[in-house]
Amino acid sequence: MAGVLLVVPFAVYLAVPTYAKDGPHLAGFPFFYWWQLLWVVLTAVCIGGAHLLTRKRGAAK
């Protein structure tokens, strides 16, 4: 499961044609910018989740 949490942001960042567009705008920002900013936060959440999953597994040994 931890591996999936690490691969998902990577796959999203590689799918540039899906988010390389101008609209829709959010608070005056083009889609490309707010989508990238959203995924910076979501990547941190995914990495944190992967860390928690692997930490628990390491403590069980």
C-alpha atoms as a PDB file:
ATOM      1  CA  MET A   1       0.000   0.000   0.000  1.00  0.00           C
ATOM      2  CA  ALA A   2       2.848   2.387   0.788  1.00  0.00           C
ATOM      3  CA  GLY A   3       4.232   1.866  -2.707  1.00  0.00           C
ATOM      4  CA  VAL A   4       0.905   2.842  -4.244  1.00  0.00           C
ATOM      5  CA  LEU A   5       0.892   6.060  -2.202  1.00  0.00           C
ATOM      6  CA  LEU A   6       4.312   6.907  -3.619  1.00  0.00           C
ATOM      7  CA  VAL A   7       3.499   6.021  -7.233  1.00  0.00           C
ATOM      8  CA  VAL A   8       0.214   7.953  -7.517  1.00  0.00           C
ATOM      9  CA  PRO A   9       1.735  11.483  -7.377  1.00  0.00           C
ATOM     10  CA  PHE A  10       4.503  10.413  -9.735  1.00  0.00           C
ATOM     11  CA  ALA A  11       1.959   9.180 -12.282  1.00  0.00           C
ATOM     12  CA  VAL A  12      -0.104  12.366 -11.956  1.00  0.00           C
ATOM     13  CA  TYR A  13       2.952  14.563 -12.540  1.00  0.00           C
ATOM     14  CA  LEU A  14       3.834  12.574 -15.665  1.00  0.00           C
ATOM     15  CA  ALA A  15       0.359  13.025 -17.162  1.00  0.00           C
ATOM     16  CA  VAL A  16       1.121  16.577 -18.317  1.00  0.00           C
ATOM     17  CA  PRO A  17      -1.351  16.664 -21.244  1.00  0.00           C
ATOM     18  CA  THR A  18      -4.233  16.165 -18.809  1.00  0.00           C
ATOM     19  CA  TYR A  19      -3.516  19.371 -16.893  1.00  0.00           C
ATOM     20  CA  ALA A  20      -1.625  21.571 -19.380  1.00  0.00           C
ATOM     21  CA  LYS A  21      -4.541  23.906 -20.012  1.00  0.00           C
ATOM     22  CA  ASP A  22      -5.685  27.372 -19.067  1.00  0.00           C
ATOM     23  CA  GLY A  23      -9.188  26.853 -17.668  1.00  0.00           C
ATOM     24  CA  PRO A  24     -11.004  26.534 -15.396  1.00  0.00           C
ATOM     25  CA  HIS A  25      -9.680  29.304 -13.187  1.00  0.00           C
ATOM     26  CA  LEU A  26      -9.697  29.173  -9.393  1.00  0.00           C
ATOM     27  CA  ALA A  27      -9.284  32.465  -7.533  1.00  0.00           C
ATOM     28  CA  GLY A  28      -7.822  33.993 -10.692  1.00  0.00           C
ATOM     29  CA  PHE A  29      -5.206  31.257 -11.164  1.00  0.00           C
ATOM     30  CA  PRO A  30      -5.172  29.174 -14.354  1.00  0.00           C
ATOM     31  CA  PHE A  31      -5.873  25.466 -13.978  1.00  0.00           C
ATOM     32  CA  PHE A  32      -2.233  24.460 -14.509  1.00  0.00           C
ATOM     33  CA  TYR A  33      -0.997  26.452 -11.510  1.00  0.00           C
ATOM     34  CA  TRP A  34      -3.641  25.537  -8.976  1.00  0.00           C
ATOM     35  CA  TRP A  35      -3.557  21.879 -10.037  1.00  0.00           C
ATOM     36  CA  GLN A  36       0.199  21.776  -9.501  1.00  0.00           C
ATOM     37  CA  LEU A  37      -0.130  23.483  -6.115  1.00  0.00           C
ATOM     38  CA  LEU A  38      -2.873  21.072  -5.087  1.00  0.00           C
ATOM     39  CA  TRP A  39      -0.637  18.122  -5.949  1.00  0.00           C
ATOM     40  CA  VAL A  40       2.277  19.547  -3.978  1.00  0.00           C
ATOM     41  CA  VAL A  41       0.050  19.297  -0.901  1.00  0.00           C
ATOM     42  CA  LEU A  42      -1.395  15.901  -1.883  1.00  0.00           C
ATOM     43  CA  THR A  43       2.098  14.538  -2.509  1.00  0.00           C
ATOM     44  CA  ALA A  44       3.115  15.540   1.006  1.00  0.00           C
ATOM     45  CA  VAL A  45       0.032  13.737   2.334  1.00  0.00           C
ATOM     46  CA  CYS A  46       0.853  10.622   0.287  1.00  0.00           C
ATOM     47  CA  ILE A  47       4.479  10.591   1.451  1.00  0.00           C
ATOM     48  CA  GLY A  48       3.368  11.080   5.045  1.00  0.00           C
ATOM     49  CA  GLY A  49       0.888   8.226   4.722  1.00  0.00           C
ATOM     50  CA  ALA A  50       3.543   5.956   3.213  1.00  0.00           C
ATOM     51  CA  HIS A  51       5.889   6.849   6.050  1.00  0.00           C
ATOM     52  CA  LEU A  52       3.266   6.008   8.661  1.00  0.00           C
ATOM     53  CA  LEU A  53       2.493   2.691   6.967  1.00  0.00           C
ATOM     54  CA  THR A  54       6.123   1.638   6.760  1.00  0.00           C
ATOM     55  CA  ARG A  55       6.908   2.871  10.278  1.00  0.00           C
ATOM     56  CA  LYS A  56       4.118   0.741  11.734  1.00  0.00           C
ATOM     57  CA  ARG A  57       5.307  -2.278   9.766  1.00  0.00           C
ATOM     58  CA  GLY A  58       8.893  -1.750  10.964  1.00  0.00           C
ATOM     59  CA  ALA A  59       7.804  -1.498  14.605  1.00  0.00           C
ATOM     60  CA  ALA A  60       5.953  -4.830  14.361  1.00  0.00           C
ATOM     61  CA  LYS A  61       9.182  -6.728  13.571  1.00  0.00           C
END
